[in-house]
C-alpha atoms as a PDB file:
ATOM      1  CA  UNK A   1    -117.176  31.606  36.986  1.00  0.00           C
ATOM      2  CA  UNK A   2    -114.584  28.895  37.379  1.00  0.00           C
ATOM      3  CA  UNK A   3    -114.735  25.724  35.304  1.00  0.00           C
ATOM      4  CA  UNK A   4    -114.903  22.605  37.451  1.00  0.00           C
ATOM      5  CA  UNK A   5    -114.058  18.948  37.090  1.00  0.00           C
ATOM      6  CA  UNK A   6    -116.937  17.218  35.352  1.00  0.00           C
ATOM      7  CA  UNK A   7    -118.637  14.061  36.507  1.00  0.00           C
ATOM      8  CA  UNK A   8    -118.465  12.951  32.874  1.00  0.00           C
ATOM      9  CA  UNK A   9    -114.663  12.725  32.991  1.00  0.00           C
ATOM     10  CA  UNK A  10    -113.534   9.122  32.540  1.00  0.00           C
ATOM     11  CA  UNK A  11    -111.340   7.638  35.235  1.00  0.00           C
ATOM     12  CA  UNK A  12    -109.602   9.064  38.236  1.00  0.00           C
ATOM     13  CA  UNK A  13    -106.718  10.546  36.223  1.00  0.00           C
ATOM     14  CA  UNK A  14    -108.679  13.292  34.430  1.00  0.00           C
ATOM     15  CA  UNK A  15    -110.520  14.097  37.656  1.00  0.00           C
ATOM     16  CA  UNK A  16    -107.288  14.518  39.601  1.00  0.00           C
ATOM     17  CA  UNK A  17    -105.774  16.595  36.819  1.00  0.00           C
ATOM     18  CA  UNK A  18    -108.838  18.868  36.788  1.00  0.00           C
ATOM     19  CA  UNK A  19    -108.654  19.380  40.559  1.00  0.00           C
ATOM     20  CA  UNK A  20    -104.905  20.057  40.343  1.00  0.00           C
ATOM     21  CA  UNK A  21    -105.375  22.614  37.593  1.00  0.00           C
ATOM     22  CA  UNK A  22    -108.272  24.209  39.443  1.00  0.00           C
ATOM     23  CA  UNK A  23    -106.031  24.584  42.502  1.00  0.00           C
ATOM     24  CA  UNK A  24    -103.234  25.934  40.258  1.00  0.00           C
ATOM     25  CA  UNK A  25    -100.713  23.389  41.490  1.00  0.00           C
ATOM     26  CA  UNK A  26     -98.035  21.945  39.204  1.00  0.00           C
ATOM     27  CA  UNK A  27     -97.375  18.219  38.976  1.00  0.00           C
ATOM     28  CA  UNK A  28     -94.000  18.753  40.627  1.00  0.00           C
ATOM     29  CA  UNK A  29     -95.458  20.738  43.506  1.00  0.00           C
ATOM     30  CA  UNK A  30     -98.167  18.138  44.086  1.00  0.00           C
ATOM     31  CA  UNK A  31     -95.574  15.363  43.959  1.00  0.00           C
ATOM     32  CA  UNK A  32     -93.462  17.092  46.606  1.00  0.00           C
ATOM     33  CA  UNK A  33     -96.476  17.576  48.843  1.00  0.00           C
ATOM     34  CA  UNK A  34     -97.582  13.960  48.472  1.00  0.00           C
ATOM     35  CA  UNK A  35     -94.097  12.431  48.773  1.00  0.00           C
ATOM     36  CA  UNK A  36     -94.250  11.118  45.210  1.00  0.00           C
ATOM     37  CA  UNK A  37     -92.649  12.057  41.877  1.00  0.00           C
ATOM     38  CA  UNK A  38     -93.831  14.278  39.050  1.00  0.00           C
ATOM     39  CA  UNK A  39     -93.451  11.281  36.736  1.00  0.00           C
ATOM     40  CA  UNK A  40     -95.805   9.184  38.853  1.00  0.00           C
ATOM     41  CA  UNK A  41     -98.349  12.024  39.062  1.00  0.00           C
ATOM     42  CA  UNK A  42     -98.196  12.346  35.284  1.00  0.00           C
ATOM     43  CA  UNK A  43     -98.729   8.607  34.827  1.00  0.00           C
ATOM     44  CA  UNK A  44    -101.758   8.706  37.149  1.00  0.00           C
ATOM     45  CA  UNK A  45    -103.303  11.642  35.312  1.00  0.00           C
ATOM     46  CA  UNK A  46    -102.840  10.043  31.896  1.00  0.00           C
ATOM     47  CA  UNK A  47    -104.115   6.666  33.056  1.00  0.00           C
ATOM     48  CA  UNK A  48    -100.795   4.868  32.657  1.00  0.00           C
ATOM     49  CA  UNK A  49    -100.733   4.099  36.403  1.00  0.00           C
ATOM     50  CA  UNK A  50    -103.588   3.174  38.721  1.00  0.00           C
ATOM     51  CA  UNK A  51    -103.128   4.916  42.067  1.00  0.00           C
ATOM     52  CA  UNK A  52    -103.596   3.036  45.289  1.00  0.00           C
ATOM     53  CA  UNK A  53    -106.509   3.939  47.518  1.00  0.00           C
ATOM     54  CA  UNK A  54    -104.177   5.692  49.942  1.00  0.00           C
ATOM     55  CA  UNK A  55    -102.551   7.651  47.115  1.00  0.00           C
ATOM     56  CA  UNK A  56    -105.957   8.871  45.916  1.00  0.00           C
ATOM     57  CA  UNK A  57    -106.773  10.063  49.416  1.00  0.00           C
ATOM     58  CA  UNK A  58    -103.353  11.636  49.874  1.00  0.00           C
ATOM     59  CA  UNK A  59    -103.595  13.581  46.619  1.00  0.00           C
ATOM     60  CA  UNK A  60    -107.144  14.638  47.435  1.00  0.00           C
ATOM     61  CA  UNK A  61    -106.026  15.925  50.824  1.00  0.00           C
ATOM     62  CA  UNK A  62    -103.191  17.984  49.353  1.00  0.00           C
ATOM     63  CA  UNK A  63    -105.537  19.374  46.690  1.00  0.00           C
ATOM     64  CA  UNK A  64    -108.105  20.292  49.344  1.00  0.00           C
ATOM     65  CA  UNK A  65    -110.778  18.248  47.590  1.00  0.00           C
ATOM     66  CA  UNK A  66    -114.112  18.317  49.471  1.00  0.00           C
ATOM     67  CA  UNK A  67    -115.115  15.114  51.266  1.00  0.00           C
ATOM     68  CA  UNK A  68    -117.996  14.370  48.870  1.00  0.00           C
ATOM     69  CA  UNK A  69    -115.642  14.631  45.888  1.00  0.00           C
ATOM     70  CA  UNK A  70    -113.052  12.406  47.580  1.00  0.00           C
ATOM     71  CA  UNK A  71    -115.649   9.651  47.456  1.00  0.00           C
ATOM     72  CA  UNK A  72    -116.123  10.380  43.742  1.00  0.00           C
ATOM     73  CA  UNK A  73    -112.367  10.077  43.169  1.00  0.00           C
ATOM     74  CA  UNK A  74    -112.271   6.746  44.984  1.00  0.00           C
ATOM     75  CA  UNK A  75    -115.147   5.406  42.909  1.00  0.00           C
ATOM     76  CA  UNK A  76    -113.478   6.572  39.713  1.00  0.00           C
ATOM     77  CA  UNK A  77    -110.330   4.704  40.762  1.00  0.00           C
ATOM     78  CA  UNK A  78    -112.312   1.522  41.440  1.00  0.00           C
ATOM     79  CA  UNK A  79    -112.454   1.735  45.234  1.00  0.00           C
ATOM     80  CA  UNK A  80    -115.333   1.958  47.674  1.00  0.00           C
ATOM     81  CA  UNK A  81    -116.248   5.360  49.105  1.00  0.00           C
ATOM     82  CA  UNK A  82    -114.443   6.121  52.356  1.00  0.00           C
ATOM     83  CA  UNK A  83    -116.789   8.733  53.825  1.00  0.00           C
ATOM     84  CA  UNK A  84    -120.432   7.984  54.732  1.00  0.00           C
ATOM     85  CA  UNK A  85    -123.257  10.452  54.106  1.00  0.00           C
ATOM     86  CA  UNK A  86    -125.460  10.075  57.142  1.00  0.00           C
ATOM     87  CA  UNK A  87    -128.879  11.806  57.098  1.00  0.00           C
ATOM     88  CA  UNK A  88    -128.968  14.572  59.674  1.00  0.00           C
ATOM     89  CA  UNK A  89    -131.997  13.010  61.350  1.00  0.00           C
ATOM     90  CA  UNK A  90    -130.230   9.665  61.751  1.00  0.00           C
ATOM     91  CA  UNK A  91    -129.850   8.532  65.405  1.00  0.00           C
ATOM     92  CA  UNK A  92    -126.102   8.304  64.815  1.00  0.00           C
ATOM     93  CA  UNK A  93    -125.969  12.102  64.552  1.00  0.00           C
ATOM     94  CA  UNK A  94    -128.128  12.673  67.618  1.00  0.00           C
ATOM     95  CA  UNK A  95    -125.263  14.141  69.642  1.00  0.00           C
ATOM     96  CA  UNK A  96    -124.387  16.467  66.778  1.00  0.00           C
ATOM     97  CA  UNK A  97    -127.958  17.732  66.459  1.00  0.00           C
ATOM     98  CA  UNK A  98    -128.219  18.259  70.195  1.00  0.00           C
ATOM     99  CA  UNK A  99    -124.937  20.134  70.247  1.00  0.00           C
ATOM    100  CA  UNK A 100    -125.957  22.376  67.366  1.00  0.00           C
ATOM    101  CA  UNK A 101    -129.325  23.185  68.940  1.00  0.00           C
ATOM    102  CA  UNK A 102    -127.640  23.987  72.243  1.00  0.00           C
ATOM    103  CA  UNK A 103    -125.050  26.161  70.517  1.00  0.00           C
ATOM    104  CA  UNK A 104    -127.453  28.307  68.527  1.00  0.00           C
ATOM    105  CA  UNK A 105    -129.954  28.383  71.397  1.00  0.00           C
ATOM    106  CA  UNK A 106    -127.270  29.686  73.712  1.00  0.00           C
ATOM    107  CA  UNK A 107    -126.530  32.476  71.226  1.00  0.00           C
ATOM    108  CA  UNK A 108    -129.994  33.990  71.668  1.00  0.00           C
ATOM    109  CA  UNK A 109    -131.218  36.698  71.497  1.00  0.00           C
ATOM    110  CA  UNK A 110    -128.722  37.146  68.662  1.00  0.00           C
ATOM    111  CA  UNK A 111    -129.571  35.355  65.392  1.00  0.00           C
ATOM    112  CA  UNK A 112    -127.884  32.075  64.417  1.00  0.00           C
ATOM    113  CA  UNK A 113    -128.654  29.359  61.890  1.00  0.00           C
ATOM    114  CA  UNK A 114    -127.181  26.219  60.364  1.00  0.00           C
ATOM    115  CA  UNK A 115    -127.205  25.576  56.616  1.00  0.00           C
ATOM    116  CA  UNK A 116    -126.184  22.706  54.366  1.00  0.00           C
ATOM    117  CA  UNK A 117    -124.180  22.823  51.132  1.00  0.00           C
ATOM    118  CA  UNK A 118    -127.149  24.310  49.230  1.00  0.00           C
ATOM    119  CA  UNK A 119    -127.837  26.929  51.919  1.00  0.00           C
ATOM    120  CA  UNK A 120    -130.952  25.090  53.060  1.00  0.00           C
ATOM    121  CA  UNK A 121    -131.620  25.941  56.703  1.00  0.00           C
ATOM    122  CA  UNK A 122    -131.435  22.833  58.888  1.00  0.00           C
ATOM    123  CA  UNK A 123    -131.641  24.670  62.227  1.00  0.00           C
ATOM    124  CA  UNK A 124    -132.318  28.236  63.373  1.00  0.00           C
ATOM    125  CA  UNK A 125    -132.804  29.977  66.701  1.00  0.00           C
ATOM    126  CA  UNK A 126    -135.444  32.457  67.815  1.00  0.00           C
ATOM    127  CA  UNK A 127    -133.243  35.377  66.812  1.00  0.00           C
ATOM    128  CA  UNK A 128    -133.507  34.326  63.175  1.00  0.00           C
ATOM    129  CA  UNK A 129    -137.244  33.735  63.470  1.00  0.00           C
ATOM    130  CA  UNK A 130    -137.632  37.276  64.780  1.00  0.00           C
ATOM    131  CA  UNK A 131    -135.885  38.731  61.729  1.00  0.00           C
ATOM    132  CA  UNK A 132    -137.894  36.733  59.168  1.00  0.00           C
ATOM    133  CA  UNK A 133    -141.270  37.400  60.768  1.00  0.00           C
ATOM    134  CA  UNK A 134    -143.678  38.639  58.086  1.00  0.00           C
ATOM    135  CA  UNK A 135    -141.769  37.226  55.105  1.00  0.00           C
ATOM    136  CA  UNK A 136    -143.858  35.761  52.254  1.00  0.00           C
ATOM    137  CA  UNK A 137    -145.194  32.364  53.351  1.00  0.00           C
ATOM    138  CA  UNK A 138    -144.040  30.711  50.114  1.00  0.00           C
ATOM    139  CA  UNK A 139    -140.408  31.416  50.991  1.00  0.00           C
ATOM    140  CA  UNK A 140    -140.897  29.891  54.426  1.00  0.00           C
ATOM    141  CA  UNK A 141    -142.042  26.527  53.077  1.00  0.00           C
ATOM    142  CA  UNK A 142    -139.526  23.690  53.536  1.00  0.00           C
ATOM    143  CA  UNK A 143    -136.806  23.521  52.558  1.00  0.00           C
ATOM    144  CA  UNK A 144    -136.182  27.053  53.777  1.00  0.00           C
ATOM    145  CA  UNK A 145    -133.267  28.446  51.760  1.00  0.00           C
ATOM    146  CA  UNK A 146    -131.116  31.191  53.267  1.00  0.00           C
ATOM    147  CA  UNK A 147    -130.077  32.713  49.934  1.00  0.00           C
ATOM    148  CA  UNK A 148    -133.616  32.881  48.553  1.00  0.00           C
ATOM    149  CA  UNK A 149    -134.807  34.274  51.876  1.00  0.00           C
ATOM    150  CA  UNK A 150    -132.184  37.025  51.858  1.00  0.00           C
ATOM    151  CA  UNK A 151    -132.305  38.104  48.205  1.00  0.00           C
ATOM    152  CA  UNK A 152    -135.843  37.415  46.977  1.00  0.00           C
ATOM    153  CA  UNK A 153    -137.941  40.582  46.459  1.00  0.00           C
ATOM    154  CA  UNK A 154    -140.627  39.038  48.685  1.00  0.00           C
ATOM    155  CA  UNK A 155    -138.068  37.967  51.255  1.00  0.00           C
ATOM    156  CA  UNK A 156    -135.729  40.081  53.359  1.00  0.00           C
ATOM    157  CA  UNK A 157    -134.311  42.058  50.423  1.00  0.00           C
ATOM    158  CA  UNK A 158    -136.706  45.043  50.781  1.00  0.00           C
ATOM    159  CA  UNK A 159    -135.729  45.325  54.443  1.00  0.00           C
ATOM    160  CA  UNK A 160    -131.959  45.226  53.900  1.00  0.00           C
ATOM    161  CA  UNK A 161    -130.793  48.813  53.973  1.00  0.00           C
ATOM    162  CA  UNK A 162    -127.433  48.079  52.280  1.00  0.00           C
ATOM    163  CA  UNK A 163    -128.865  45.526  49.858  1.00  0.00           C
ATOM    164  CA  UNK A 164    -126.436  46.094  47.001  1.00  0.00           C
ATOM    165  CA  UNK A 165    -123.359  45.635  49.166  1.00  0.00           C
ATOM    166  CA  UNK A 166    -124.833  42.676  51.061  1.00  0.00           C
ATOM    167  CA  UNK A 167    -126.066  41.048  47.850  1.00  0.00           C
ATOM    168  CA  UNK A 168    -122.568  41.351  46.398  1.00  0.00           C
ATOM    169  CA  UNK A 169    -121.130  39.721  49.519  1.00  0.00           C
ATOM    170  CA  UNK A 170    -123.563  36.784  49.331  1.00  0.00           C
ATOM    171  CA  UNK A 171    -122.990  36.197  45.621  1.00  0.00           C
ATOM    172  CA  UNK A 172    -119.212  36.266  46.108  1.00  0.00           C
ATOM    173  CA  UNK A 173    -119.617  33.758  48.942  1.00  0.00           C
ATOM    174  CA  UNK A 174    -121.555  31.456  46.633  1.00  0.00           C
ATOM    175  CA  UNK A 175    -118.941  31.849  43.892  1.00  0.00           C
ATOM    176  CA  UNK A 176    -116.247  30.749  46.326  1.00  0.00           C
ATOM    177  CA  UNK A 177    -118.291  27.687  47.230  1.00  0.00           C
ATOM    178  CA  UNK A 178    -118.855  26.866  43.565  1.00  0.00           C
ATOM    179  CA  UNK A 179    -115.099  27.122  43.013  1.00  0.00           C
ATOM    180  CA  UNK A 180    -114.505  24.685  45.872  1.00  0.00           C
ATOM    181  CA  UNK A 181    -117.340  22.208  45.294  1.00  0.00           C
ATOM    182  CA  UNK A 182    -118.508  20.525  42.121  1.00  0.00           C
ATOM    183  CA  UNK A 183    -122.243  21.113  42.465  1.00  0.00           C
ATOM    184  CA  UNK A 184    -124.661  21.793  39.644  1.00  0.00           C
ATOM    185  CA  UNK A 185    -127.550  22.407  42.120  1.00  0.00           C
ATOM    186  CA  UNK A 186    -125.431  25.102  43.809  1.00  0.00           C
ATOM    187  CA  UNK A 187    -124.655  26.674  40.442  1.00  0.00           C
ATOM    188  CA  UNK A 188    -128.372  26.631  39.581  1.00  0.00           C
ATOM    189  CA  UNK A 189    -129.196  28.313  42.906  1.00  0.00           C
ATOM    190  CA  UNK A 190    -126.577  30.972  42.207  1.00  0.00           C
ATOM    191  CA  UNK A 191    -128.024  31.717  38.779  1.00  0.00           C
ATOM    192  CA  UNK A 192    -131.521  31.910  40.261  1.00  0.00           C
ATOM    193  CA  UNK A 193    -130.761  34.357  43.073  1.00  0.00           C
ATOM    194  CA  UNK A 194    -128.356  36.434  40.957  1.00  0.00           C
ATOM    195  CA  UNK A 195    -131.241  37.033  38.538  1.00  0.00           C
ATOM    196  CA  UNK A 196    -133.563  38.466  41.194  1.00  0.00           C
ATOM    197  CA  UNK A 197    -134.340  42.132  40.443  1.00  0.00           C
ATOM    198  CA  UNK A 198    -132.435  44.728  42.426  1.00  0.00           C
ATOM    199  CA  UNK A 199    -134.198  48.026  43.202  1.00  0.00           C
ATOM    200  CA  UNK A 200    -132.571  51.354  42.466  1.00  0.00           C
ATOM    201  CA  UNK A 201    -130.165  52.607  45.092  1.00  0.00           C
ATOM    202  CA  UNK A 202    -131.911  54.097  48.106  1.00  0.00           C
ATOM    203  CA  UNK A 203    -130.302  57.060  49.926  1.00  0.00           C
ATOM    204  CA  UNK A 204    -131.276  55.279  53.140  1.00  0.00           C
ATOM    205  CA  UNK A 205    -128.737  52.581  52.311  1.00  0.00           C
ATOM    206  CA  UNK A 206    -126.051  54.858  53.738  1.00  0.00           C
ATOM    207  CA  UNK A 207    -126.165  55.669  57.456  1.00  0.00           C
ATOM    208  CA  UNK A 208    -126.583  59.362  58.292  1.00  0.00           C
ATOM    209  CA  UNK A 209    -123.391  59.210  60.365  1.00  0.00           C
ATOM    210  CA  UNK A 210    -120.413  57.020  59.435  1.00  0.00           C
ATOM    211  CA  UNK A 211    -119.953  54.019  61.723  1.00  0.00           C
ATOM    212  CA  UNK A 212    -116.483  52.407  62.055  1.00  0.00           C
ATOM    213  CA  UNK A 213    -117.568  48.832  61.264  1.00  0.00           C
ATOM    214  CA  UNK A 214    -114.751  46.274  61.330  1.00  0.00           C
ATOM    215  CA  UNK A 215    -116.423  44.161  58.618  1.00  0.00           C
ATOM    216  CA  UNK A 216    -119.240  44.581  56.116  1.00  0.00           C
ATOM    217  CA  UNK A 217    -122.443  44.765  58.178  1.00  0.00           C
ATOM    218  CA  UNK A 218    -125.884  43.461  57.384  1.00  0.00           C
ATOM    219  CA  UNK A 219    -128.109  46.476  58.020  1.00  0.00           C
ATOM    220  CA  UNK A 220    -131.697  45.290  58.199  1.00  0.00           C
ATOM    221  CA  UNK A 221    -134.915  47.013  59.150  1.00  0.00           C
ATOM    222  CA  UNK A 222    -137.039  45.473  61.884  1.00  0.00           C
ATOM    223  CA  UNK A 223    -140.192  47.122  63.212  1.00  0.00           C
ATOM    224  CA  UNK A 224    -139.027  50.599  62.286  1.00  0.00           C
ATOM    225  CA  UNK A 225    -135.464  50.139  63.562  1.00  0.00           C
ATOM    226  CA  UNK A 226    -132.322  49.488  61.589  1.00  0.00           C
ATOM    227  CA  UNK A 227    -130.346  46.647  63.148  1.00  0.00           C
ATOM    228  CA  UNK A 228    -126.717  46.004  62.226  1.00  0.00           C
ATOM    229  CA  UNK A 229    -124.951  42.642  62.288  1.00  0.00           C
ATOM    230  CA  UNK A 230    -121.582  41.167  61.378  1.00  0.00           C
ATOM    231  CA  UNK A 231    -121.722  37.630  59.999  1.00  0.00           C
ATOM    232  CA  UNK A 232    -119.415  34.836  61.161  1.00  0.00           C
ATOM    233  CA  UNK A 233    -119.403  31.327  59.635  1.00  0.00           C
ATOM    234  CA  UNK A 234    -118.025  28.196  61.310  1.00  0.00           C
ATOM    235  CA  UNK A 235    -117.523  24.663  59.988  1.00  0.00           C
ATOM    236  CA  UNK A 236    -116.423  21.397  61.573  1.00  0.00           C
ATOM    237  CA  UNK A 237    -112.730  20.488  61.720  1.00  0.00           C
ATOM    238  CA  UNK A 238    -111.633  17.331  59.868  1.00  0.00           C
ATOM    239  CA  UNK A 239    -115.127  15.940  59.245  1.00  0.00           C
ATOM    240  CA  UNK A 240    -115.376  12.231  58.442  1.00  0.00           C
ATOM    241  CA  UNK A 241    -118.945  12.347  57.140  1.00  0.00           C
ATOM    242  CA  UNK A 242    -120.203  14.114  54.002  1.00  0.00           C
ATOM    243  CA  UNK A 243    -123.245  15.556  55.756  1.00  0.00           C
ATOM    244  CA  UNK A 244    -121.201  17.008  58.595  1.00  0.00           C
ATOM    245  CA  UNK A 245    -118.553  18.335  56.203  1.00  0.00           C
ATOM    246  CA  UNK A 246    -121.171  20.382  54.380  1.00  0.00           C
ATOM    247  CA  UNK A 247    -122.779  22.013  57.433  1.00  0.00           C
ATOM    248  CA  UNK A 248    -122.029  25.645  58.233  1.00  0.00           C
ATOM    249  CA  UNK A 249    -123.051  27.554  61.359  1.00  0.00           C
ATOM    250  CA  UNK A 250    -123.675  31.266  60.762  1.00  0.00           C
ATOM    251  CA  UNK A 251    -123.941  33.639  63.695  1.00  0.00           C
ATOM    252  CA  UNK A 252    -124.924  37.293  63.431  1.00  0.00           C
ATOM    253  CA  UNK A 253    -122.971  39.408  65.887  1.00  0.00           C
ATOM    254  CA  UNK A 254    -124.534  42.785  66.780  1.00  0.00           C
ATOM    255  CA  UNK A 255    -122.410  45.488  65.198  1.00  0.00           C
ATOM    256  CA  UNK A 256    -123.435  48.442  67.344  1.00  0.00           C
ATOM    257  CA  UNK A 257    -124.706  49.153  70.886  1.00  0.00           C
ATOM    258  CA  UNK A 258    -128.215  50.052  69.677  1.00  0.00           C
ATOM    259  CA  UNK A 259    -128.665  46.591  68.141  1.00  0.00           C
ATOM    260  CA  UNK A 260    -127.407  44.916  71.325  1.00  0.00           C
ATOM    261  CA  UNK A 261    -129.796  46.942  73.479  1.00  0.00           C
ATOM    262  CA  UNK A 262    -132.808  46.244  71.264  1.00  0.00           C
ATOM    263  CA  UNK A 263    -132.224  42.511  70.982  1.00  0.00           C
ATOM    264  CA  UNK A 264    -131.653  42.166  74.711  1.00  0.00           C
ATOM    265  CA  UNK A 265    -134.956  43.935  75.288  1.00  0.00           C
ATOM    266  CA  UNK A 266    -136.663  41.026  73.511  1.00  0.00           C
ATOM    267  CA  UNK A 267    -135.545  38.567  76.185  1.00  0.00           C
ATOM    268  CA  UNK A 268    -138.422  37.278  78.334  1.00  0.00           C
END
């Protein structure tokens, strides 16, 4: 996996250089983007110049540095963090919570959930609860983790008919997040779930008749039926809070008419 900027780096210069190299951007290219000069960028990275607060934020924006890490850059440069990290249960985020609950509730009977940066489930609708019914109680203890739930041998893994393909998709998704965020807990979670045993390939993993899916489906068994879903993930535009920046809303869109019909039959 990709090597990431380390929290042990001294000063903002090495941190910025590590992010620039991780993004594969030259000093000249970054200077052009940030309306600066390659010489000034070099001086910042080597510690010969102390960037202003606005310059730190400008460089971070052009390097697509996550909000949490922008705070780390500001601290390393001697400035106060710019972005708060408000607990999700704080009254200040009441409107956000209400909006999320209304959004995923309105998606029923189709499954939808909201996860944080470590894939801990912070909200889920009844569609999700239907799918995870019967899963080992230990995995359902808070904090409920979507990756453990999906890939653990006592979780949903035995029910996923295309487990190898879906497992590969989830691990690649985590790798992309690790490449974007500097998070040792996320790396530890990746190593944990990647080490879960994978059963031998099952002929039932392939449908008896080819289906023209437009994206990789999640094919999961539920009460003797195989349901098929396409996953879609949404995040918030231009978040100004670390907590909000790290939330992701995942919706599972039925991938075939049989799944639509079955889920709609569950409506009261």
